N, C-alpha and C. Protein backbone atom coordinates (compact mmCIF):
# COMPACT_ATOMS: atom_id res chain seq x y z
N MET A 1 0.85 -1.19 0.00
CA MET A 1 0.00 0.00 0.00
C MET A 1 0.88 1.24 0.00
N PRO A 2 0.69 2.13 -0.96
CA PRO A 2 1.53 3.34 -1.01
C PRO A 2 1.28 4.25 0.19
N LEU A 3 2.30 5.01 0.53
CA LEU A 3 2.18 5.93 1.65
C LEU A 3 1.19 7.05 1.34
N LEU A 4 1.18 7.49 0.11
CA LEU A 4 0.27 8.56 -0.31
C LEU A 4 -0.48 8.09 -1.55
N PRO A 5 -1.70 8.54 -1.74
CA PRO A 5 -2.42 8.18 -2.96
C PRO A 5 -1.68 8.70 -4.20
N MET A 6 -1.89 8.04 -5.31
CA MET A 6 -1.20 8.41 -6.55
C MET A 6 -1.48 9.85 -6.96
N TYR A 7 -2.68 10.34 -6.70
CA TYR A 7 -2.98 11.71 -7.10
C TYR A 7 -2.10 12.70 -6.36
N SER A 8 -1.66 12.35 -5.15
CA SER A 8 -0.76 13.23 -4.41
C SER A 8 0.57 13.36 -5.14
N PHE A 9 1.06 12.25 -5.70
CA PHE A 9 2.30 12.30 -6.46
C PHE A 9 2.15 13.16 -7.70
N GLU A 10 1.01 13.06 -8.35
CA GLU A 10 0.77 13.88 -9.54
C GLU A 10 0.74 15.36 -9.17
N ILE A 11 0.10 15.69 -8.07
CA ILE A 11 0.05 17.09 -7.62
C ILE A 11 1.45 17.59 -7.32
N MET A 12 2.24 16.78 -6.60
CA MET A 12 3.61 17.19 -6.27
C MET A 12 4.45 17.36 -7.53
N ARG A 13 4.28 16.44 -8.48
CA ARG A 13 5.05 16.52 -9.73
C ARG A 13 4.71 17.79 -10.49
N LYS A 14 3.43 18.12 -10.57
CA LYS A 14 3.01 19.34 -11.26
C LYS A 14 3.55 20.58 -10.57
N GLU A 15 3.56 20.57 -9.24
CA GLU A 15 4.09 21.70 -8.48
C GLU A 15 5.59 21.86 -8.73
N LEU A 16 6.31 20.75 -8.81
CA LEU A 16 7.74 20.82 -9.08
C LEU A 16 8.02 21.40 -10.46
N PHE A 17 7.25 20.98 -11.45
CA PHE A 17 7.43 21.53 -12.79
C PHE A 17 7.11 23.01 -12.83
N ALA A 18 6.08 23.42 -12.10
CA ALA A 18 5.74 24.85 -12.03
C ALA A 18 6.86 25.63 -11.37
N LEU A 19 7.43 25.08 -10.31
CA LEU A 19 8.55 25.73 -9.63
C LEU A 19 9.75 25.84 -10.57
N HIS A 20 10.02 24.79 -11.31
CA HIS A 20 11.13 24.81 -12.26
C HIS A 20 10.92 25.92 -13.30
N ASN A 21 9.72 26.06 -13.79
CA ASN A 21 9.43 27.11 -14.78
C ASN A 21 9.61 28.50 -14.18
N GLU A 22 9.21 28.67 -12.93
CA GLU A 22 9.40 29.96 -12.27
C GLU A 22 10.88 30.27 -12.09
N LEU A 23 11.66 29.27 -11.74
CA LEU A 23 13.10 29.48 -11.58
C LEU A 23 13.75 29.86 -12.91
N GLU A 24 13.31 29.23 -13.98
CA GLU A 24 13.84 29.57 -15.29
C GLU A 24 13.51 31.02 -15.64
N ALA A 25 12.33 31.47 -15.28
CA ALA A 25 11.94 32.86 -15.55
C ALA A 25 12.80 33.84 -14.76
N LEU A 26 13.20 33.44 -13.56
CA LEU A 26 14.03 34.30 -12.71
C LEU A 26 15.51 34.28 -13.11
N LYS A 27 15.87 33.32 -13.91
CA LYS A 27 17.28 33.10 -14.25
C LYS A 27 17.98 34.38 -14.72
N LYS A 28 17.34 35.12 -15.57
CA LYS A 28 17.97 36.31 -16.15
C LYS A 28 17.84 37.53 -15.25
N LYS A 29 17.08 37.42 -14.18
CA LYS A 29 16.79 38.59 -13.37
C LYS A 29 17.70 38.73 -12.15
N ILE A 30 17.63 37.79 -11.21
CA ILE A 30 18.31 38.03 -9.93
C ILE A 30 19.24 36.92 -9.46
N LEU A 31 19.09 35.72 -9.96
CA LEU A 31 19.86 34.61 -9.42
C LEU A 31 21.13 34.35 -10.21
N SER A 32 22.18 34.00 -9.50
CA SER A 32 23.42 33.64 -10.18
C SER A 32 23.28 32.23 -10.75
N GLU A 33 24.16 31.89 -11.66
CA GLU A 33 24.14 30.55 -12.25
C GLU A 33 24.36 29.48 -11.18
N ASP A 34 25.22 29.76 -10.21
CA ASP A 34 25.49 28.79 -9.15
C ASP A 34 24.24 28.54 -8.31
N ASP A 35 23.51 29.62 -7.98
CA ASP A 35 22.27 29.47 -7.21
C ASP A 35 21.26 28.63 -7.98
N LEU A 36 21.13 28.90 -9.26
CA LEU A 36 20.18 28.15 -10.09
C LEU A 36 20.58 26.68 -10.19
N LYS A 37 21.87 26.44 -10.33
CA LYS A 37 22.35 25.06 -10.41
C LYS A 37 22.00 24.30 -9.14
N LYS A 38 22.22 24.93 -7.98
CA LYS A 38 21.90 24.28 -6.71
C LYS A 38 20.41 24.02 -6.59
N MET A 39 19.58 24.98 -6.99
CA MET A 39 18.13 24.81 -6.91
C MET A 39 17.66 23.70 -7.84
N ASN A 40 18.19 23.68 -9.05
CA ASN A 40 17.80 22.63 -10.00
C ASN A 40 18.23 21.26 -9.51
N GLU A 41 19.42 21.16 -8.91
CA GLU A 41 19.87 19.88 -8.35
C GLU A 41 18.93 19.43 -7.24
N HIS A 42 18.50 20.37 -6.43
CA HIS A 42 17.58 20.04 -5.34
C HIS A 42 16.23 19.56 -5.90
N ILE A 43 15.74 20.23 -6.91
CA ILE A 43 14.47 19.82 -7.54
C ILE A 43 14.60 18.42 -8.13
N GLU A 44 15.72 18.15 -8.80
CA GLU A 44 15.93 16.82 -9.38
C GLU A 44 15.96 15.75 -8.29
N LYS A 45 16.61 16.06 -7.18
CA LYS A 45 16.67 15.12 -6.05
C LYS A 45 15.27 14.81 -5.53
N ILE A 46 14.45 15.85 -5.39
CA ILE A 46 13.08 15.66 -4.90
C ILE A 46 12.27 14.84 -5.90
N LYS A 47 12.44 15.11 -7.19
CA LYS A 47 11.72 14.34 -8.21
C LYS A 47 12.06 12.85 -8.10
N LYS A 48 13.36 12.55 -7.92
CA LYS A 48 13.78 11.15 -7.79
C LYS A 48 13.20 10.52 -6.54
N GLU A 49 13.13 11.27 -5.44
CA GLU A 49 12.54 10.74 -4.21
C GLU A 49 11.06 10.44 -4.40
N ILE A 50 10.36 11.31 -5.11
CA ILE A 50 8.93 11.09 -5.37
C ILE A 50 8.75 9.84 -6.22
N GLN A 51 9.56 9.72 -7.27
CA GLN A 51 9.45 8.54 -8.13
C GLN A 51 9.82 7.27 -7.37
N GLY A 52 10.82 7.36 -6.49
CA GLY A 52 11.23 6.20 -5.71
C GLY A 52 10.18 5.79 -4.68
N ALA A 53 9.37 6.72 -4.24
CA ALA A 53 8.35 6.42 -3.24
C ALA A 53 7.16 5.67 -3.84
N ARG A 54 7.04 5.73 -5.14
CA ARG A 54 5.93 5.02 -5.79
C ARG A 54 6.18 3.57 -5.64
């Protein structure tokens, strides 16, 4: 039995993609490349954890 219903994973996945799009929009404005790299690495790590939890 999964810890969370499948729809919860879909909601989290959609939120992560939305966050990624927002970060891309900010890329040219205020964040350094290093900050963006760290944020994207963190997002990728969370995506893998969500997929692994299924």
